[in-house]
Amino acid sequence: MPVIFRHKGYRFFFFSNEGIPLEPCHIHVRKGGATAKFWVVPEVRLAEAYDMSSAELRELSRIVKQNQELIERKWNEYFGT
């Protein structure tokens, strides 16, 4: 499970097996038991979330947008796409 970066205690990561066939580029976010998944392409949008407030999700969406190029680059490097 490669961690791409951390921010304020949140871990932004990929799972090593992201489905067969491989799902489109996305990022998982976890802090404690709270989790979220954001699609990164073609645009950043929330896929699912558990135990996170609307304010947290807005902030996380902003962080994913700010790091969209990094996430896409790391996705392509890791999965060889």
PDB file of N, CA and C in Angstrom:
ATOM      1  N   MET A   1       0.848  -1.156   0.000  1.00  0.00           N
ATOM      2  CA  MET A   1       0.000   0.000   0.000  1.00  0.00           C
ATOM      3  C   MET A   1       0.907   1.236   0.000  1.00  0.00           C
ATOM      4  N   PRO A   2       1.243   1.746  -1.175  1.00  0.00           N
ATOM      5  CA  PRO A   2       2.130   2.920  -1.241  1.00  0.00           C
ATOM      6  C   PRO A   2       1.453   4.204  -0.764  1.00  0.00           C
ATOM      7  N   VAL A   3       2.080   4.840   0.212  1.00  0.00           N
ATOM      8  CA  VAL A   3       1.603   6.131   0.708  1.00  0.00           C
ATOM      9  C   VAL A   3       2.224   7.207  -0.169  1.00  0.00           C
ATOM     10  N   ILE A   4       1.403   8.075  -0.734  1.00  0.00           N
ATOM     11  CA  ILE A   4       1.870   9.118  -1.637  1.00  0.00           C
ATOM     12  C   ILE A   4       2.292  10.347  -0.849  1.00  0.00           C
ATOM     13  N   PHE A   5       1.484  10.736   0.144  1.00  0.00           N
ATOM     14  CA  PHE A   5       1.872  11.828   1.040  1.00  0.00           C
ATOM     15  C   PHE A   5       0.954  11.811   2.247  1.00  0.00           C
ATOM     16  N   ARG A   6       1.321  12.611   3.244  1.00  0.00           N
ATOM     17  CA  ARG A   6       0.523  12.777   4.460  1.00  0.00           C
ATOM     18  C   ARG A   6       0.235  14.265   4.646  1.00  0.00           C
ATOM     19  N   HIS A   7      -0.928  14.537   5.243  1.00  0.00           N
ATOM     20  CA  HIS A   7      -1.322  15.929   5.491  1.00  0.00           C
ATOM     21  C   HIS A   7      -2.208  15.951   6.730  1.00  0.00           C
ATOM     22  N   LYS A   8      -1.772  16.669   7.764  1.00  0.00           N
ATOM     23  CA  LYS A   8      -2.546  16.835   9.001  1.00  0.00           C
ATOM     24  C   LYS A   8      -3.066  15.508   9.552  1.00  0.00           C
ATOM     25  N   GLY A   9      -2.236  14.485   9.523  1.00  0.00           N
ATOM     26  CA  GLY A   9      -2.630  13.188  10.061  1.00  0.00           C
ATOM     27  C   GLY A   9      -3.383  12.295   9.094  1.00  0.00           C
ATOM     28  N   TYR A  10      -3.731  12.812   7.916  1.00  0.00           N
ATOM     29  CA  TYR A  10      -4.389  12.004   6.878  1.00  0.00           C
ATOM     30  C   TYR A  10      -3.319  11.337   6.032  1.00  0.00           C
ATOM     31  N   ARG A  11      -3.561  10.100   5.676  1.00  0.00           N
ATOM     32  CA  ARG A  11      -2.660   9.353   4.805  1.00  0.00           C
ATOM     33  C   ARG A  11      -3.327   9.239   3.440  1.00  0.00           C
ATOM     34  N   PHE A  12      -2.633   9.636   2.380  1.00  0.00           N
ATOM     35  CA  PHE A  12      -3.123   9.570   1.003  1.00  0.00           C
ATOM     36  C   PHE A  12      -2.375   8.437   0.324  1.00  0.00           C
ATOM     37  N   PHE A  13      -3.095   7.427  -0.153  1.00  0.00           N
ATOM     38  CA  PHE A  13      -2.419   6.214  -0.615  1.00  0.00           C
ATOM     39  C   PHE A  13      -3.201   5.482  -1.701  1.00  0.00           C
ATOM     40  N   PHE A  14      -2.514   4.515  -2.321  1.00  0.00           N
ATOM     41  CA  PHE A  14      -3.132   3.562  -3.253  1.00  0.00           C
ATOM     42  C   PHE A  14      -3.091   2.195  -2.588  1.00  0.00           C
ATOM     43  N   PHE A  15      -3.997   1.317  -2.969  1.00  0.00           N
ATOM     44  CA  PHE A  15      -3.864  -0.092  -2.632  1.00  0.00           C
ATOM     45  C   PHE A  15      -2.997  -0.729  -3.711  1.00  0.00           C
ATOM     46  N   SER A  16      -2.240  -1.727  -3.352  1.00  0.00           N
ATOM     47  CA  SER A  16      -1.371  -2.384  -4.337  1.00  0.00           C
ATOM     48  C   SER A  16      -2.175  -3.055  -5.445  1.00  0.00           C
ATOM     49  N   ASN A  17      -3.363  -3.561  -5.120  1.00  0.00           N
ATOM     50  CA  ASN A  17      -4.225  -4.186  -6.118  1.00  0.00           C
ATOM     51  C   ASN A  17      -5.462  -3.311  -6.261  1.00  0.00           C
ATOM     52  N   GLU A  18      -5.524  -2.536  -7.302  1.00  0.00           N
ATOM     53  CA  GLU A  18      -6.639  -1.604  -7.516  1.00  0.00           C
ATOM     54  C   GLU A  18      -7.644  -2.130  -8.536  1.00  0.00           C
ATOM     55  N   GLY A  19      -7.832  -3.446  -8.534  1.00  0.00           N
ATOM     56  CA  GLY A  19      -8.862  -4.047  -9.371  1.00  0.00           C
ATOM     57  C   GLY A  19      -8.336  -4.595 -10.675  1.00  0.00           C
ATOM     58  N   ILE A  20      -9.062  -5.580 -11.187  1.00  0.00           N
ATOM     59  CA  ILE A  20      -8.763  -6.169 -12.489  1.00  0.00           C
ATOM     60  C   ILE A  20     -10.072  -6.142 -13.265  1.00  0.00           C
ATOM     61  N   PRO A  21     -10.178  -5.324 -14.305  1.00  0.00           N
ATOM     62  CA  PRO A  21      -9.128  -4.431 -14.800  1.00  0.00           C
ATOM     63  C   PRO A  21      -8.897  -3.274 -13.828  1.00  0.00           C
ATOM     64  N   LEU A  22      -7.751  -2.641 -13.984  1.00  0.00           N
ATOM     65  CA  LEU A  22      -7.352  -1.534 -13.121  1.00  0.00           C
ATOM     66  C   LEU A  22      -8.383  -0.412 -13.178  1.00  0.00           C
ATOM     67  N   GLU A  23      -8.830   0.042 -12.009  1.00  0.00           N
ATOM     68  CA  GLU A  23      -9.763   1.170 -11.951  1.00  0.00           C
ATOM     69  C   GLU A  23      -9.054   2.434 -12.435  1.00  0.00           C
ATOM     70  N   PRO A  24      -9.824   3.464 -12.832  1.00  0.00           N
ATOM     71  CA  PRO A  24      -9.199   4.747 -13.188  1.00  0.00           C
ATOM     72  C   PRO A  24      -8.452   5.330 -11.990  1.00  0.00           C
ATOM     73  N   CYS A  25      -7.561   6.251 -12.255  1.00  0.00           N
ATOM     74  CA  CYS A  25      -6.727   6.875 -11.235  1.00  0.00           C
ATOM     75  C   CYS A  25      -7.582   7.453 -10.106  1.00  0.00           C
ATOM     76  N   HIS A  26      -7.261   7.053  -8.885  1.00  0.00           N
ATOM     77  CA  HIS A  26      -7.948   7.557  -7.698  1.00  0.00           C
ATOM     78  C   HIS A  26      -7.006   7.477  -6.504  1.00  0.00           C
ATOM     79  N   ILE A  27      -7.403   8.076  -5.403  1.00  0.00           N
ATOM     80  CA  ILE A  27      -6.594   8.095  -4.186  1.00  0.00           C
ATOM     81  C   ILE A  27      -7.495   7.782  -2.999  1.00  0.00           C
ATOM     82  N   HIS A  28      -6.965   6.993  -2.070  1.00  0.00           N
ATOM     83  CA  HIS A  28      -7.652   6.704  -0.818  1.00  0.00           C
ATOM     84  C   HIS A  28      -7.069   7.607   0.258  1.00  0.00           C
ATOM     85  N   VAL A  29      -7.913   7.998   1.211  1.00  0.00           N
ATOM     86  CA  VAL A  29      -7.485   8.849   2.314  1.00  0.00           C
ATOM     87  C   VAL A  29      -7.983   8.204   3.602  1.00  0.00           C
ATOM     88  N   ARG A  30      -7.100   8.133   4.590  1.00  0.00           N
ATOM     89  CA  ARG A  30      -7.490   7.526   5.861  1.00  0.00           C
ATOM     90  C   ARG A  30      -6.897   8.317   7.021  1.00  0.00           C
ATOM     91  N   LYS A  31      -7.707   8.451   8.051  1.00  0.00           N
ATOM     92  CA  LYS A  31      -7.256   9.001   9.327  1.00  0.00           C
ATOM     93  C   LYS A  31      -8.034   8.255  10.392  1.00  0.00           C
ATOM     94  N   GLY A  32      -7.335   7.463  11.195  1.00  0.00           N
ATOM     95  CA  GLY A  32      -8.025   6.607  12.159  1.00  0.00           C
ATOM     96  C   GLY A  32      -8.938   5.651  11.423  1.00  0.00           C
ATOM     97  N   GLY A  33     -10.191   5.566  11.832  1.00  0.00           N
ATOM     98  CA  GLY A  33     -11.154   4.689  11.169  1.00  0.00           C
ATOM     99  C   GLY A  33     -11.920   5.358  10.046  1.00  0.00           C
ATOM    100  N   ALA A  34     -11.682   6.641   9.830  1.00  0.00           N
ATOM    101  CA  ALA A  34     -12.383   7.387   8.780  1.00  0.00           C
ATOM    102  C   ALA A  34     -11.662   7.208   7.447  1.00  0.00           C
ATOM    103  N   THR A  35     -12.431   6.992   6.394  1.00  0.00           N
ATOM    104  CA  THR A  35     -11.837   6.781   5.071  1.00  0.00           C
ATOM    105  C   THR A  35     -12.622   7.522   3.999  1.00  0.00           C
ATOM    106  N   ALA A  36     -11.918   7.788   2.895  1.00  0.00           N
ATOM    107  CA  ALA A  36     -12.555   8.385   1.715  1.00  0.00           C
ATOM    108  C   ALA A  36     -11.788   7.927   0.484  1.00  0.00           C
ATOM    109  N   LYS A  37     -12.465   7.991  -0.634  1.00  0.00           N
ATOM    110  CA  LYS A  37     -11.857   7.670  -1.928  1.00  0.00           C
ATOM    111  C   LYS A  37     -12.255   8.780  -2.885  1.00  0.00           C
ATOM    112  N   PHE A  38     -11.252   9.314  -3.586  1.00  0.00           N
ATOM    113  CA  PHE A  38     -11.487  10.372  -4.568  1.00  0.00           C
ATOM    114  C   PHE A  38     -11.019   9.908  -5.941  1.00  0.00           C
ATOM    115  N   TRP A  39     -11.884  10.050  -6.940  1.00  0.00           N
ATOM    116  CA  TRP A  39     -11.444   9.893  -8.320  1.00  0.00           C
ATOM    117  C   TRP A  39     -10.570  11.089  -8.631  1.00  0.00           C
ATOM    118  N   VAL A  40      -9.526  10.874  -9.409  1.00  0.00           N
ATOM    119  CA  VAL A  40      -8.594  11.950  -9.742  1.00  0.00           C
ATOM    120  C   VAL A  40      -8.764  12.389 -11.187  1.00  0.00           C
ATOM    121  N   VAL A  41      -9.085  11.458 -12.073  1.00  0.00           N
ATOM    122  CA  VAL A  41      -9.304  11.786 -13.483  1.00  0.00           C
ATOM    123  C   VAL A  41     -10.695  11.329 -13.899  1.00  0.00           C
ATOM    124  N   PRO A  42     -11.364  12.014 -14.775  1.00  0.00           N
ATOM    125  CA  PRO A  42     -10.899  13.201 -15.481  1.00  0.00           C
ATOM    126  C   PRO A  42     -10.912  14.451 -14.614  1.00  0.00           C
ATOM    127  N   GLU A  43     -11.610  14.405 -13.467  1.00  0.00           N
ATOM    128  CA  GLU A  43     -11.609  15.527 -12.535  1.00  0.00           C
ATOM    129  C   GLU A  43     -11.700  14.969 -11.124  1.00  0.00           C
ATOM    130  N   VAL A  44     -11.272  15.747 -10.169  1.00  0.00           N
ATOM    131  CA  VAL A  44     -11.325  15.307  -8.774  1.00  0.00           C
ATOM    132  C   VAL A  44     -12.772  15.337  -8.305  1.00  0.00           C
ATOM    133  N   ARG A  45     -13.224  14.172  -7.792  1.00  0.00           N
ATOM    134  CA  ARG A  45     -14.569  14.102  -7.220  1.00  0.00           C
ATOM    135  C   ARG A  45     -14.620  12.953  -6.218  1.00  0.00           C
ATOM    136  N   LEU A  46     -15.451  13.109  -5.239  1.00  0.00           N
ATOM    137  CA  LEU A  46     -15.585  12.121  -4.185  1.00  0.00           C
ATOM    138  C   LEU A  46     -16.266  10.867  -4.711  1.00  0.00           C
ATOM    139  N   ALA A  47     -15.667   9.708  -4.441  1.00  0.00           N
ATOM    140  CA  ALA A  47     -16.276   8.433  -4.825  1.00  0.00           C
ATOM    141  C   ALA A  47     -17.076   7.865  -3.658  1.00  0.00           C
ATOM    142  N   GLU A  48     -16.486   7.884  -2.457  1.00  0.00           N
ATOM    143  CA  GLU A  48     -17.166   7.379  -1.267  1.00  0.00           C
ATOM    144  C   GLU A  48     -16.445   7.883  -0.031  1.00  0.00           C
ATOM    145  N   ALA A  49     -17.157   7.885   1.092  1.00  0.00           N
ATOM    146  CA  ALA A  49     -16.554   8.327   2.349  1.00  0.00           C
ATOM    147  C   ALA A  49     -17.308   7.705   3.516  1.00  0.00           C
ATOM    148  N   TYR A  50     -16.574   7.441   4.581  1.00  0.00           N
ATOM    149  CA  TYR A  50     -17.145   6.870   5.798  1.00  0.00           C
ATOM    150  C   TYR A  50     -16.574   7.601   7.004  1.00  0.00           C
ATOM    151  N   ASP A  51     -17.463   8.069   7.856  1.00  0.00           N
ATOM    152  CA  ASP A  51     -17.097   8.710   9.125  1.00  0.00           C
ATOM    153  C   ASP A  51     -16.277   9.983   8.952  1.00  0.00           C
ATOM    154  N   MET A  52     -16.549  10.745   7.897  1.00  0.00           N
ATOM    155  CA  MET A  52     -15.897  12.038   7.691  1.00  0.00           C
ATOM    156  C   MET A  52     -16.965  13.109   7.545  1.00  0.00           C
ATOM    157  N   SER A  53     -16.689  14.259   8.118  1.00  0.00           N
ATOM    158  CA  SER A  53     -17.640  15.375   8.035  1.00  0.00           C
ATOM    159  C   SER A  53     -17.561  16.047   6.669  1.00  0.00           C
ATOM    160  N   SER A  54     -18.561  16.835   6.363  1.00  0.00           N
ATOM    161  CA  SER A  54     -18.568  17.601   5.113  1.00  0.00           C
ATOM    162  C   SER A  54     -17.381  18.552   5.053  1.00  0.00           C
ATOM    163  N   ALA A  55     -17.045  19.162   6.187  1.00  0.00           N
ATOM    164  CA  ALA A  55     -15.893  20.082   6.225  1.00  0.00           C
ATOM    165  C   ALA A  55     -14.595  19.336   5.926  1.00  0.00           C
ATOM    166  N   GLU A  56     -14.432  18.150   6.505  1.00  0.00           N
ATOM    167  CA  GLU A  56     -13.231  17.346   6.212  1.00  0.00           C
ATOM    168  C   GLU A  56     -13.160  17.014   4.729  1.00  0.00           C
ATOM    169  N   LEU A  57     -14.285  16.596   4.170  1.00  0.00           N
ATOM    170  CA  LEU A  57     -14.301  16.192   2.764  1.00  0.00           C
ATOM    171  C   LEU A  57     -14.010  17.365   1.837  1.00  0.00           C
ATOM    172  N   ARG A  58     -14.495  18.549   2.173  1.00  0.00           N
ATOM    173  CA  ARG A  58     -14.174  19.735   1.364  1.00  0.00           C
ATOM    174  C   ARG A  58     -12.676  20.014   1.410  1.00  0.00           C
ATOM    175  N   GLU A  59     -12.093  19.942   2.607  1.00  0.00           N
ATOM    176  CA  GLU A  59     -10.655  20.175   2.727  1.00  0.00           C
ATOM    177  C   GLU A  59      -9.862  19.109   1.983  1.00  0.00           C
ATOM    178  N   LEU A  60     -10.248  17.862   2.129  1.00  0.00           N
ATOM    179  CA  LEU A  60      -9.529  16.781   1.448  1.00  0.00           C
ATOM    180  C   LEU A  60      -9.641  16.913  -0.065  1.00  0.00           C
ATOM    181  N   SER A  61     -10.803  17.301  -0.561  1.00  0.00           N
ATOM    182  CA  SER A  61     -10.967  17.513  -1.997  1.00  0.00           C
ATOM    183  C   SER A  61     -10.012  18.602  -2.482  1.00  0.00           C
ATOM    184  N   ARG A  62      -9.901  19.670  -1.705  1.00  0.00           N
ATOM    185  CA  ARG A  62      -8.976  20.755  -2.059  1.00  0.00           C
ATOM    186  C   ARG A  62      -7.533  20.249  -2.080  1.00  0.00           C
ATOM    187  N   ILE A  63      -7.158  19.436  -1.114  1.00  0.00           N
ATOM    188  CA  ILE A  63      -5.793  18.900  -1.038  1.00  0.00           C
ATOM    189  C   ILE A  63      -5.525  17.971  -2.222  1.00  0.00           C
ATOM    190  N   VAL A  64      -6.503  17.143  -2.573  1.00  0.00           N
ATOM    191  CA  VAL A  64      -6.334  16.248  -3.725  1.00  0.00           C
ATOM    192  C   VAL A  64      -6.175  17.080  -4.998  1.00  0.00           C
ATOM    193  N   LYS A  65      -6.984  18.125  -5.175  1.00  0.00           N
ATOM    194  CA  LYS A  65      -6.861  18.984  -6.357  1.00  0.00           C
ATOM    195  C   LYS A  65      -5.483  19.639  -6.418  1.00  0.00           C
ATOM    196  N   GLN A  66      -4.979  20.112  -5.272  1.00  0.00           N
ATOM    197  CA  GLN A  66      -3.664  20.746  -5.232  1.00  0.00           C
ATOM    198  C   GLN A  66      -2.546  19.765  -5.582  1.00  0.00           C
ATOM    199  N   ASN A  67      -2.772  18.477  -5.334  1.00  0.00           N
ATOM    200  CA  ASN A  67      -1.745  17.455  -5.569  1.00  0.00           C
ATOM    201  C   ASN A  67      -2.097  16.520  -6.721  1.00  0.00           C
ATOM    202  N   GLN A  68      -3.025  16.950  -7.570  1.00  0.00           N
ATOM    203  CA  GLN A  68      -3.519  16.091  -8.647  1.00  0.00           C
ATOM    204  C   GLN A  68      -2.391  15.604  -9.563  1.00  0.00           C
ATOM    205  N   GLU A  69      -1.498  16.480  -9.960  1.00  0.00           N
ATOM    206  CA  GLU A  69      -0.404  16.069 -10.851  1.00  0.00           C
ATOM    207  C   GLU A  69       0.500  15.048 -10.176  1.00  0.00           C
ATOM    208  N   LEU A  70       0.843  15.269  -8.914  1.00  0.00           N
ATOM    209  CA  LEU A  70       1.666  14.323  -8.169  1.00  0.00           C
ATOM    210  C   LEU A  70       0.983  12.969  -8.078  1.00  0.00           C
ATOM    211  N   ILE A  71      -0.298  12.958  -7.740  1.00  0.00           N
ATOM    212  CA  ILE A  71      -1.047  11.701  -7.613  1.00  0.00           C
ATOM    213  C   ILE A  71      -1.064  10.953  -8.940  1.00  0.00           C
ATOM    214  N   GLU A  72      -1.369  11.659 -10.025  1.00  0.00           N
ATOM    215  CA  GLU A  72      -1.395  11.011 -11.340  1.00  0.00           C
ATOM    216  C   GLU A  72      -0.024  10.453 -11.711  1.00  0.00           C
ATOM    217  N   ARG A  73       1.029  11.225 -11.468  1.00  0.00           N
ATOM    218  CA  ARG A  73       2.379  10.765 -11.794  1.00  0.00           C
ATOM    219  C   ARG A  73       2.735   9.517 -10.990  1.00  0.00           C
ATOM    220  N   LYS A  74       2.460   9.532  -9.692  1.00  0.00           N
ATOM    221  CA  LYS A  74       2.772   8.378  -8.840  1.00  0.00           C
ATOM    222  C   LYS A  74       1.933   7.168  -9.229  1.00  0.00           C
ATOM    223  N   TRP A  75       0.685   7.387  -9.606  1.00  0.00           N
ATOM    224  CA  TRP A  75      -0.200   6.290 -10.066  1.00  0.00           C
ATOM    225  C   TRP A  75       0.415   5.636 -11.297  1.00  0.00           C
ATOM    226  N   ASN A  76       0.777   6.463 -12.275  1.00  0.00           N
ATOM    227  CA  ASN A  76       1.331   5.937 -13.526  1.00  0.00           C
ATOM    228  C   ASN A  76       2.654   5.218 -13.299  1.00  0.00           C
ATOM    229  N   GLU A  77       3.499   5.758 -12.432  1.00  0.00           N
ATOM    230  CA  GLU A  77       4.769   5.099 -12.108  1.00  0.00           C
ATOM    231  C   GLU A  77       4.517   3.752 -11.419  1.00  0.00           C
ATOM    232  N   TYR A  78       3.604   3.720 -10.460  1.00  0.00           N
ATOM    233  CA  TYR A  78       3.378   2.506  -9.685  1.00  0.00           C
ATOM    234  C   TYR A  78       2.698   1.418 -10.511  1.00  0.00           C
ATOM    235  N   PHE A  79       1.675   1.802 -11.272  1.00  0.00           N
ATOM    236  CA  PHE A  79       0.903   0.808 -12.015  1.00  0.00           C
ATOM    237  C   PHE A  79       1.383   0.635 -13.456  1.00  0.00           C
ATOM    238  N   GLY A  80       2.384   1.417 -13.861  1.00  0.00           N
ATOM    239  CA  GLY A  80       2.954   1.261 -15.201  1.00  0.00           C
ATOM    240  C   GLY A  80       1.986   1.601 -16.321  1.00  0.00           C
ATOM    241  N   THR A  81       1.163   2.614 -16.088  1.00  0.00           N
ATOM    242  CA  THR A  81       0.186   2.988 -17.120  1.00  0.00           C
ATOM    243  C   THR A  81       0.671   4.189 -17.897  1.00  0.00           C
TER     244      THR A  81
END
